[in-house]
Amino acid sequence: MEEIGRRVDLVSYRHFGADLLALQLVASMAGSTASTRSSAPGAESGRAAVKGVRQLYDESPQSLKDLYADLDVLLTSSAEVRMEFQQHYIAYRRIRNVATVRFQPASHTLVARLAVDPDGVDLVEGFTRDLPGIGALGTGALEVKIRSRDDLARARDLVLRSVEGASR
């Protein structure tokens, strides 16, 4: 698995009749997150490189890091959820993504995309957003912007619903 250079999930399965299949994640190997793209000849060399999520985390104020630490505790409340740094976001996943988190240090915001159906949520302008059909980084149909501990408390049920919903 280490030689492939891509994400590999080893899953065991058990078939229980015609309509039921149980999947269990046995092992997971993160692939290389380094960009393999090279600049095309003649491309602008003066353009600033896009910052990765690790760099954005490192440059974030301590208050945003503390807020992220609290969100991380919620997202990893299930022992089956694994955190993995990607290029542009942090993925929380079992076999599929439960949530993704991006940092926006300039606006002191954590942007979480959750695997929650937005139709079952009362959307609040500037706090939650329905994402299907919108090109955005990360996975999940519901975007939640967390700027404070109060926002995190408001988002708690949505985050837990995303974590619990992925186990079904």
N, C-alpha and C. Protein backbone atom coordinates (compact mmCIF):
# COMPACT_ATOMS: atom_id res chain seq x y z
N MET A 1 0.81 -1.19 0.00
CA MET A 1 0.00 0.00 0.00
C MET A 1 0.86 1.26 0.00
N GLU A 2 2.04 1.21 0.63
CA GLU A 2 2.89 2.39 0.72
C GLU A 2 3.49 2.78 -0.62
N GLU A 3 3.63 1.85 -1.53
CA GLU A 3 4.29 2.12 -2.81
C GLU A 3 3.35 2.71 -3.85
N ILE A 4 2.06 2.67 -3.63
CA ILE A 4 1.11 3.14 -4.63
C ILE A 4 1.16 4.65 -4.78
N GLY A 5 1.34 5.40 -3.67
CA GLY A 5 1.43 6.84 -3.74
C GLY A 5 0.08 7.53 -3.79
N ARG A 6 -1.00 6.80 -3.63
CA ARG A 6 -2.35 7.35 -3.60
C ARG A 6 -3.06 6.82 -2.37
N ARG A 7 -4.15 7.46 -2.03
CA ARG A 7 -4.94 7.01 -0.89
C ARG A 7 -5.49 5.61 -1.18
N VAL A 8 -5.34 4.72 -0.20
CA VAL A 8 -5.84 3.36 -0.33
C VAL A 8 -6.59 3.02 0.96
N ASP A 9 -7.81 2.55 0.82
CA ASP A 9 -8.59 2.08 1.95
C ASP A 9 -8.82 0.59 1.78
N LEU A 10 -8.44 -0.19 2.77
CA LEU A 10 -8.66 -1.63 2.75
C LEU A 10 -9.93 -1.90 3.55
N VAL A 11 -10.91 -2.48 2.90
CA VAL A 11 -12.23 -2.68 3.49
C VAL A 11 -12.56 -4.16 3.47
N SER A 12 -13.08 -4.64 4.60
CA SER A 12 -13.61 -6.00 4.60
C SER A 12 -15.12 -5.90 4.48
N TYR A 13 -15.72 -6.91 3.90
CA TYR A 13 -17.16 -6.88 3.74
C TYR A 13 -17.75 -8.23 4.13
N ARG A 14 -19.02 -8.18 4.50
CA ARG A 14 -19.74 -9.40 4.83
C ARG A 14 -21.13 -9.27 4.22
N HIS A 15 -21.52 -10.27 3.50
CA HIS A 15 -22.80 -10.26 2.79
C HIS A 15 -23.84 -10.97 3.65
N PHE A 16 -24.94 -10.28 3.97
CA PHE A 16 -26.02 -10.83 4.77
C PHE A 16 -27.29 -10.91 3.93
N GLY A 17 -27.37 -11.81 3.01
CA GLY A 17 -28.57 -11.96 2.19
C GLY A 17 -28.56 -11.02 1.00
N ALA A 18 -29.70 -10.92 0.36
CA ALA A 18 -29.80 -10.18 -0.90
C ALA A 18 -29.71 -8.67 -0.73
N ASP A 19 -30.13 -8.14 0.42
CA ASP A 19 -30.25 -6.69 0.55
C ASP A 19 -29.32 -6.06 1.58
N LEU A 20 -28.43 -6.80 2.19
CA LEU A 20 -27.62 -6.23 3.27
C LEU A 20 -26.15 -6.58 3.09
N LEU A 21 -25.34 -5.54 3.15
CA LEU A 21 -23.90 -5.67 3.02
C LEU A 21 -23.25 -4.83 4.10
N ALA A 22 -22.36 -5.40 4.90
CA ALA A 22 -21.66 -4.66 5.95
C ALA A 22 -20.23 -4.39 5.50
N LEU A 23 -19.80 -3.15 5.63
CA LEU A 23 -18.44 -2.75 5.28
C LEU A 23 -17.72 -2.31 6.55
N GLN A 24 -16.45 -2.69 6.68
CA GLN A 24 -15.66 -2.27 7.82
C GLN A 24 -14.29 -1.84 7.31
N LEU A 25 -13.86 -0.65 7.69
CA LEU A 25 -12.55 -0.14 7.31
C LEU A 25 -11.50 -0.88 8.11
N VAL A 26 -10.60 -1.59 7.42
CA VAL A 26 -9.57 -2.39 8.08
C VAL A 26 -8.28 -1.59 8.19
N ALA A 27 -7.89 -0.91 7.12
CA ALA A 27 -6.66 -0.13 7.12
C ALA A 27 -6.82 1.02 6.12
N SER A 28 -6.09 2.07 6.38
CA SER A 28 -6.14 3.23 5.50
C SER A 28 -4.75 3.80 5.38
N MET A 29 -4.33 4.06 4.15
CA MET A 29 -3.00 4.62 3.91
C MET A 29 -3.19 5.90 3.12
N ALA A 30 -2.77 7.01 3.71
CA ALA A 30 -2.89 8.30 3.02
C ALA A 30 -1.89 8.36 1.89
N GLY A 31 -2.33 8.90 0.78
CA GLY A 31 -1.43 9.08 -0.35
C GLY A 31 -0.67 10.37 -0.23
N SER A 32 0.13 10.66 -1.20
CA SER A 32 0.89 11.89 -1.24
C SER A 32 -0.04 13.04 -1.52
N THR A 33 0.05 14.12 -0.72
CA THR A 33 -0.77 15.30 -0.97
C THR A 33 0.01 16.36 -1.72
N ALA A 34 1.25 16.06 -2.04
CA ALA A 34 2.06 17.02 -2.79
C ALA A 34 1.52 17.16 -4.20
N SER A 35 1.51 18.37 -4.67
CA SER A 35 1.00 18.61 -6.01
C SER A 35 1.97 18.05 -7.04
N THR A 36 1.43 17.32 -8.00
CA THR A 36 2.29 16.76 -9.04
C THR A 36 2.24 17.60 -10.30
N ARG A 37 1.47 18.69 -10.24
CA ARG A 37 1.39 19.56 -11.41
C ARG A 37 2.66 20.40 -11.52
N SER A 38 3.08 20.60 -12.73
CA SER A 38 4.22 21.48 -12.94
C SER A 38 3.74 22.66 -13.76
N SER A 39 4.46 23.74 -13.67
CA SER A 39 4.08 24.93 -14.41
C SER A 39 4.27 24.69 -15.90
N ALA A 40 3.32 25.15 -16.64
CA ALA A 40 3.42 25.03 -18.09
C ALA A 40 4.44 26.05 -18.58
N PRO A 41 5.16 25.73 -19.67
CA PRO A 41 6.12 26.68 -20.19
C PRO A 41 5.41 27.98 -20.54
N GLY A 42 6.02 29.09 -20.12
CA GLY A 42 5.45 30.39 -20.43
C GLY A 42 4.41 30.84 -19.44
N ALA A 43 4.14 30.03 -18.40
CA ALA A 43 3.16 30.43 -17.39
C ALA A 43 3.74 31.56 -16.56
N GLU A 44 2.83 32.35 -15.97
CA GLU A 44 3.28 33.48 -15.17
C GLU A 44 4.08 32.97 -13.98
N SER A 45 5.29 33.46 -13.85
CA SER A 45 6.10 33.04 -12.70
C SER A 45 5.93 34.00 -11.54
N GLY A 46 5.34 35.17 -11.77
CA GLY A 46 5.15 36.15 -10.72
C GLY A 46 3.90 35.91 -9.90
N ARG A 47 3.06 34.97 -10.29
CA ARG A 47 1.82 34.70 -9.58
C ARG A 47 2.14 34.03 -8.24
N ALA A 48 1.46 34.46 -7.20
CA ALA A 48 1.68 33.90 -5.87
C ALA A 48 1.15 32.47 -5.81
N ALA A 49 1.87 31.61 -5.13
CA ALA A 49 1.44 30.23 -4.97
C ALA A 49 0.26 30.17 -4.01
N VAL A 50 -0.64 29.24 -4.24
CA VAL A 50 -1.80 29.06 -3.37
C VAL A 50 -1.31 28.42 -2.08
N LYS A 51 -1.76 28.95 -0.96
CA LYS A 51 -1.35 28.42 0.33
C LYS A 51 -2.14 27.16 0.64
N GLY A 52 -1.45 26.17 1.17
CA GLY A 52 -2.10 24.94 1.58
C GLY A 52 -2.70 25.09 2.97
N VAL A 53 -3.50 24.11 3.35
CA VAL A 53 -4.19 24.18 4.63
C VAL A 53 -3.21 24.17 5.81
N ARG A 54 -2.11 23.46 5.69
CA ARG A 54 -1.11 23.45 6.78
C ARG A 54 -0.51 24.84 6.98
N GLN A 55 -0.20 25.51 5.88
CA GLN A 55 0.37 26.85 5.97
C GLN A 55 -0.66 27.83 6.53
N LEU A 56 -1.91 27.72 6.09
CA LEU A 56 -2.96 28.59 6.63
C LEU A 56 -3.16 28.35 8.12
N TYR A 57 -3.09 27.08 8.54
CA TYR A 57 -3.19 26.76 9.96
C TYR A 57 -2.04 27.40 10.73
N ASP A 58 -0.83 27.24 10.22
CA ASP A 58 0.35 27.80 10.89
C ASP A 58 0.27 29.32 11.01
N GLU A 59 -0.31 29.97 10.02
CA GLU A 59 -0.39 31.44 10.02
C GLU A 59 -1.61 31.97 10.77
N SER A 60 -2.49 31.08 11.22
CA SER A 60 -3.71 31.51 11.91
C SER A 60 -3.39 31.99 13.32
N PRO A 61 -4.19 32.94 13.81
CA PRO A 61 -4.01 33.38 15.20
C PRO A 61 -4.35 32.23 16.16
N GLN A 62 -3.80 32.28 17.36
CA GLN A 62 -4.01 31.22 18.34
C GLN A 62 -5.49 31.03 18.65
N SER A 63 -6.26 32.10 18.66
CA SER A 63 -7.70 31.98 18.95
C SER A 63 -8.42 31.12 17.91
N LEU A 64 -8.01 31.23 16.63
CA LEU A 64 -8.61 30.40 15.58
C LEU A 64 -8.14 28.94 15.71
N LYS A 65 -6.89 28.75 16.09
CA LYS A 65 -6.39 27.39 16.32
C LYS A 65 -7.13 26.73 17.48
N ASP A 66 -7.42 27.51 18.53
CA ASP A 66 -8.16 26.96 19.68
C ASP A 66 -9.59 26.60 19.27
N LEU A 67 -10.20 27.45 18.46
CA LEU A 67 -11.54 27.17 17.96
C LEU A 67 -11.54 25.90 17.11
N TYR A 68 -10.51 25.75 16.27
CA TYR A 68 -10.37 24.54 15.46
C TYR A 68 -10.19 23.30 16.35
N ALA A 69 -9.41 23.42 17.41
CA ALA A 69 -9.19 22.29 18.31
C ALA A 69 -10.51 21.81 18.91
N ASP A 70 -11.40 22.74 19.25
CA ASP A 70 -12.72 22.36 19.78
C ASP A 70 -13.57 21.68 18.70
N LEU A 71 -13.51 22.20 17.48
CA LEU A 71 -14.24 21.58 16.37
C LEU A 71 -13.68 20.19 16.09
N ASP A 72 -12.37 20.04 16.15
CA ASP A 72 -11.72 18.75 15.92
C ASP A 72 -12.21 17.71 16.93
N VAL A 73 -12.38 18.11 18.19
CA VAL A 73 -12.88 17.20 19.21
C VAL A 73 -14.27 16.69 18.85
N LEU A 74 -15.13 17.60 18.37
CA LEU A 74 -16.48 17.18 17.95
C LEU A 74 -16.43 16.21 16.77
N LEU A 75 -15.60 16.56 15.78
CA LEU A 75 -15.55 15.74 14.57
C LEU A 75 -14.94 14.37 14.81
N THR A 76 -14.06 14.26 15.77
CA THR A 76 -13.43 12.96 16.06
C THR A 76 -14.07 12.29 17.28
N SER A 77 -15.29 12.71 17.64
CA SER A 77 -15.97 12.12 18.79
C SER A 77 -16.24 10.63 18.58
N SER A 78 -16.34 10.21 17.33
CA SER A 78 -16.45 8.79 17.01
C SER A 78 -15.05 8.27 16.75
N ALA A 79 -14.70 7.16 17.38
CA ALA A 79 -13.35 6.61 17.22
C ALA A 79 -13.07 6.18 15.79
N GLU A 80 -14.12 6.00 14.98
CA GLU A 80 -13.94 5.54 13.61
C GLU A 80 -13.56 6.66 12.65
N VAL A 81 -13.74 7.91 13.06
CA VAL A 81 -13.45 9.05 12.19
C VAL A 81 -11.96 9.36 12.24
N ARG A 82 -11.37 9.49 11.07
CA ARG A 82 -9.94 9.80 10.93
C ARG A 82 -9.77 11.16 10.30
N MET A 83 -8.78 11.89 10.78
CA MET A 83 -8.47 13.21 10.23
C MET A 83 -7.29 13.07 9.28
N GLU A 84 -7.37 13.76 8.14
CA GLU A 84 -6.29 13.68 7.15
C GLU A 84 -6.13 15.04 6.46
N PHE A 85 -4.92 15.58 6.48
CA PHE A 85 -4.65 16.83 5.79
C PHE A 85 -4.64 16.60 4.29
N GLN A 86 -5.38 17.40 3.57
CA GLN A 86 -5.33 17.44 2.11
C GLN A 86 -4.63 18.74 1.73
N GLN A 87 -4.57 19.04 0.46
CA GLN A 87 -3.91 20.27 0.02
C GLN A 87 -4.67 21.51 0.50
N HIS A 88 -5.99 21.56 0.30
CA HIS A 88 -6.77 22.76 0.57
C HIS A 88 -7.68 22.67 1.78
N TYR A 89 -7.85 21.50 2.35
CA TYR A 89 -8.74 21.34 3.49
C TYR A 89 -8.30 20.15 4.32
N ILE A 90 -8.88 20.05 5.50
CA ILE A 90 -8.65 18.90 6.36
C ILE A 90 -9.89 18.01 6.23
N ALA A 91 -9.68 16.76 5.87
CA ALA A 91 -10.79 15.83 5.68
C ALA A 91 -10.97 14.99 6.93
N TYR A 92 -12.22 14.80 7.31
CA TYR A 92 -12.59 13.89 8.39
C TYR A 92 -13.40 12.80 7.73
N ARG A 93 -12.95 11.55 7.87
CA ARG A 93 -13.59 10.50 7.08
C ARG A 93 -13.61 9.18 7.81
N ARG A 94 -14.54 8.39 7.39
CA ARG A 94 -14.56 6.97 7.67
C ARG A 94 -14.18 6.35 6.33
N ILE A 95 -15.11 5.71 5.67
CA ILE A 95 -14.84 5.24 4.32
C ILE A 95 -15.04 6.40 3.35
N ARG A 96 -15.96 7.29 3.67
CA ARG A 96 -16.16 8.50 2.87
C ARG A 96 -16.08 9.70 3.81
N ASN A 97 -16.00 10.88 3.25
CA ASN A 97 -15.85 12.07 4.08
C ASN A 97 -17.10 12.33 4.91
N VAL A 98 -16.86 12.65 6.17
CA VAL A 98 -17.89 13.08 7.11
C VAL A 98 -17.99 14.60 7.05
N ALA A 99 -16.81 15.24 6.96
CA ALA A 99 -16.74 16.70 6.93
C ALA A 99 -15.38 17.11 6.39
N THR A 100 -15.32 18.35 5.92
CA THR A 100 -14.04 18.96 5.57
C THR A 100 -13.99 20.33 6.22
N VAL A 101 -12.78 20.77 6.57
CA VAL A 101 -12.59 22.05 7.25
C VAL A 101 -11.51 22.84 6.52
N ARG A 102 -11.82 24.12 6.26
CA ARG A 102 -10.84 25.04 5.69
C ARG A 102 -10.65 26.21 6.64
N PHE A 103 -9.47 26.83 6.57
CA PHE A 103 -9.15 27.99 7.39
C PHE A 103 -9.22 29.25 6.55
N GLN A 104 -9.79 30.31 7.12
CA GLN A 104 -9.78 31.64 6.52
C GLN A 104 -9.31 32.60 7.61
N PRO A 105 -7.97 32.66 7.82
CA PRO A 105 -7.44 33.47 8.92
C PRO A 105 -7.76 34.96 8.81
N ALA A 106 -7.83 35.49 7.60
CA ALA A 106 -8.08 36.93 7.43
C ALA A 106 -9.44 37.32 8.02
N SER A 107 -10.43 36.44 7.91
CA SER A 107 -11.75 36.75 8.45
C SER A 107 -12.03 35.97 9.74
N HIS A 108 -11.00 35.34 10.30
CA HIS A 108 -11.10 34.55 11.54
C HIS A 108 -12.27 33.57 11.45
N THR A 109 -12.24 32.73 10.39
CA THR A 109 -13.35 31.82 10.11
C THR A 109 -12.86 30.41 9.81
N LEU A 110 -13.56 29.44 10.37
CA LEU A 110 -13.42 28.05 9.97
C LEU A 110 -14.62 27.74 9.08
N VAL A 111 -14.37 27.19 7.91
CA VAL A 111 -15.45 26.83 6.99
C VAL A 111 -15.54 25.31 6.97
N ALA A 112 -16.63 24.79 7.53
CA ALA A 112 -16.84 23.35 7.60
C ALA A 112 -17.92 22.96 6.59
N ARG A 113 -17.62 21.95 5.80
CA ARG A 113 -18.62 21.36 4.90
C ARG A 113 -19.01 20.03 5.52
N LEU A 114 -20.30 19.88 5.78
CA LEU A 114 -20.80 18.71 6.50
C LEU A 114 -21.65 17.83 5.61
N ALA A 115 -21.62 16.54 5.90
CA ALA A 115 -22.44 15.57 5.16
C ALA A 115 -23.83 15.53 5.79
N VAL A 116 -24.52 16.66 5.66
CA VAL A 116 -25.87 16.83 6.20
C VAL A 116 -26.75 17.35 5.07
N ASP A 117 -27.96 16.81 4.96
CA ASP A 117 -28.89 17.27 3.93
C ASP A 117 -29.37 18.68 4.29
N PRO A 118 -29.07 19.69 3.46
CA PRO A 118 -29.46 21.07 3.77
C PRO A 118 -30.98 21.27 3.80
N ASP A 119 -31.74 20.38 3.17
CA ASP A 119 -33.19 20.51 3.17
C ASP A 119 -33.78 20.35 4.57
N GLY A 120 -33.08 19.66 5.45
CA GLY A 120 -33.56 19.45 6.81
C GLY A 120 -33.01 20.47 7.80
N VAL A 121 -32.43 21.57 7.31
CA VAL A 121 -31.79 22.56 8.17
C VAL A 121 -32.39 23.93 7.88
N ASP A 122 -32.64 24.70 8.95
CA ASP A 122 -33.04 26.09 8.77
C ASP A 122 -31.78 26.90 8.48
N LEU A 123 -31.63 27.31 7.23
CA LEU A 123 -30.43 28.04 6.81
C LEU A 123 -30.45 29.46 7.37
N VAL A 124 -29.29 29.90 7.86
CA VAL A 124 -29.13 31.24 8.43
C VAL A 124 -28.09 31.96 7.59
N GLU A 125 -28.46 33.11 7.04
CA GLU A 125 -27.56 33.91 6.20
C GLU A 125 -26.25 34.20 6.94
N GLY A 126 -25.13 33.89 6.29
CA GLY A 126 -23.81 34.14 6.86
C GLY A 126 -23.32 33.05 7.81
N PHE A 127 -24.18 32.07 8.12
CA PHE A 127 -23.78 30.99 9.02
C PHE A 127 -23.84 29.63 8.33
N THR A 128 -24.96 29.32 7.68
CA THR A 128 -25.10 28.06 6.96
C THR A 128 -25.48 28.34 5.51
N ARG A 129 -25.07 27.42 4.64
CA ARG A 129 -25.35 27.60 3.21
C ARG A 129 -25.51 26.24 2.54
N ASP A 130 -26.47 26.16 1.64
CA ASP A 130 -26.76 24.97 0.83
C ASP A 130 -25.79 24.99 -0.35
N LEU A 131 -24.96 23.94 -0.51
CA LEU A 131 -23.88 23.97 -1.50
C LEU A 131 -24.08 23.19 -2.79
N PRO A 132 -24.99 22.23 -2.90
CA PRO A 132 -25.07 21.49 -4.16
C PRO A 132 -25.19 22.42 -5.36
N GLY A 133 -24.41 22.13 -6.39
CA GLY A 133 -24.41 22.94 -7.61
C GLY A 133 -23.44 24.11 -7.57
N ILE A 134 -22.81 24.35 -6.42
CA ILE A 134 -21.84 25.43 -6.31
C ILE A 134 -20.45 24.81 -6.29
N GLY A 135 -19.56 25.28 -7.11
CA GLY A 135 -18.19 24.77 -7.09
C GLY A 135 -17.46 25.30 -5.87
N ALA A 136 -17.07 24.41 -4.97
CA ALA A 136 -16.37 24.82 -3.76
C ALA A 136 -15.42 23.72 -3.33
N LEU A 137 -14.40 24.09 -2.57
CA LEU A 137 -13.43 23.11 -2.08
C LEU A 137 -14.03 22.30 -0.95
N GLY A 138 -13.74 21.01 -0.94
CA GLY A 138 -14.23 20.14 0.11
C GLY A 138 -15.42 19.32 -0.36
N THR A 139 -15.93 18.51 0.54
CA THR A 139 -17.10 17.70 0.23
C THR A 139 -18.13 17.92 1.31
N GLY A 140 -19.37 17.68 0.98
CA GLY A 140 -20.46 17.88 1.92
C GLY A 140 -21.44 18.87 1.32
N ALA A 141 -22.70 18.70 1.64
CA ALA A 141 -23.75 19.52 1.03
C ALA A 141 -24.08 20.77 1.83
N LEU A 142 -23.64 20.83 3.09
CA LEU A 142 -23.97 21.97 3.94
C LEU A 142 -22.70 22.66 4.40
N GLU A 143 -22.62 23.96 4.18
CA GLU A 143 -21.47 24.75 4.64
C GLU A 143 -21.86 25.48 5.91
N VAL A 144 -20.97 25.44 6.90
CA VAL A 144 -21.17 26.15 8.15
C VAL A 144 -19.93 27.01 8.40
N LYS A 145 -20.15 28.31 8.64
CA LYS A 145 -19.04 29.22 8.94
C LYS A 145 -18.98 29.44 10.44
N ILE A 146 -17.84 29.08 11.02
CA ILE A 146 -17.65 29.17 12.47
C ILE A 146 -16.61 30.23 12.76
N ARG A 147 -17.05 31.30 13.44
CA ARG A 147 -16.17 32.42 13.75
C ARG A 147 -15.91 32.58 15.25
N SER A 148 -16.71 31.91 16.07
CA SER A 148 -16.61 32.07 17.52
C SER A 148 -17.08 30.81 18.21
N ARG A 149 -16.89 30.77 19.52
CA ARG A 149 -17.36 29.63 20.31
C ARG A 149 -18.90 29.56 20.28
N ASP A 150 -19.55 30.72 20.18
CA ASP A 150 -21.01 30.73 20.07
C ASP A 150 -21.45 30.06 18.76
N ASP A 151 -20.75 30.36 17.67
CA ASP A 151 -21.05 29.71 16.39
C ASP A 151 -20.83 28.21 16.49
N LEU A 152 -19.76 27.81 17.17
CA LEU A 152 -19.47 26.38 17.33
C LEU A 152 -20.57 25.71 18.14
N ALA A 153 -21.07 26.38 19.16
CA ALA A 153 -22.17 25.83 19.96
C ALA A 153 -23.43 25.69 19.10
N ARG A 154 -23.70 26.68 18.24
CA ARG A 154 -24.86 26.61 17.34
C ARG A 154 -24.70 25.48 16.33
N ALA A 155 -23.45 25.22 15.90
CA ALA A 155 -23.18 24.21 14.87
C ALA A 155 -23.03 22.80 15.45
N ARG A 156 -22.96 22.68 16.76
CA ARG A 156 -22.67 21.40 17.41
C ARG A 156 -23.59 20.28 16.93
N ASP A 157 -24.89 20.51 16.93
CA ASP A 157 -25.84 19.46 16.52
C ASP A 157 -25.65 19.07 15.06
N LEU A 158 -25.35 20.04 14.20
CA LEU A 158 -25.12 19.74 12.78
C LEU A 158 -23.85 18.91 12.61
N VAL A 159 -22.80 19.27 13.35
CA VAL A 159 -21.53 18.53 13.27
C VAL A 159 -21.74 17.09 13.73
N LEU A 160 -22.42 16.92 14.85
CA LEU A 160 -22.66 15.57 15.38
C LEU A 160 -23.58 14.78 14.45
N ARG A 161 -24.54 15.43 13.82
CA ARG A 161 -25.41 14.76 12.86
C ARG A 161 -24.59 14.27 11.66
N SER A 162 -23.62 15.06 11.24
CA SER A 162 -22.75 14.64 10.13
C SER A 162 -21.91 13.44 10.52
N VAL A 163 -21.34 13.47 11.72
CA VAL A 163 -20.51 12.35 12.20
C VAL A 163 -21.35 11.10 12.38
N GLU A 164 -22.51 11.23 12.99
CA GLU A 164 -23.37 10.06 13.25
C GLU A 164 -24.00 9.54 11.95
N GLY A 165 -24.33 10.43 11.04
CA GLY A 165 -24.97 10.02 9.78
C GLY A 165 -24.05 9.20 8.90
N ALA A 166 -22.74 9.40 9.04
CA ALA A 166 -21.79 8.67 8.22
C ALA A 166 -21.63 7.23 8.68
N SER A 167 -22.09 6.93 9.89
CA SER A 167 -21.94 5.56 10.38
C SER A 167 -23.08 4.66 9.92
N ARG A 168 -24.08 5.25 9.31
CA ARG A 168 -25.23 4.45 8.84
C ARG A 168 -25.00 3.89 7.47
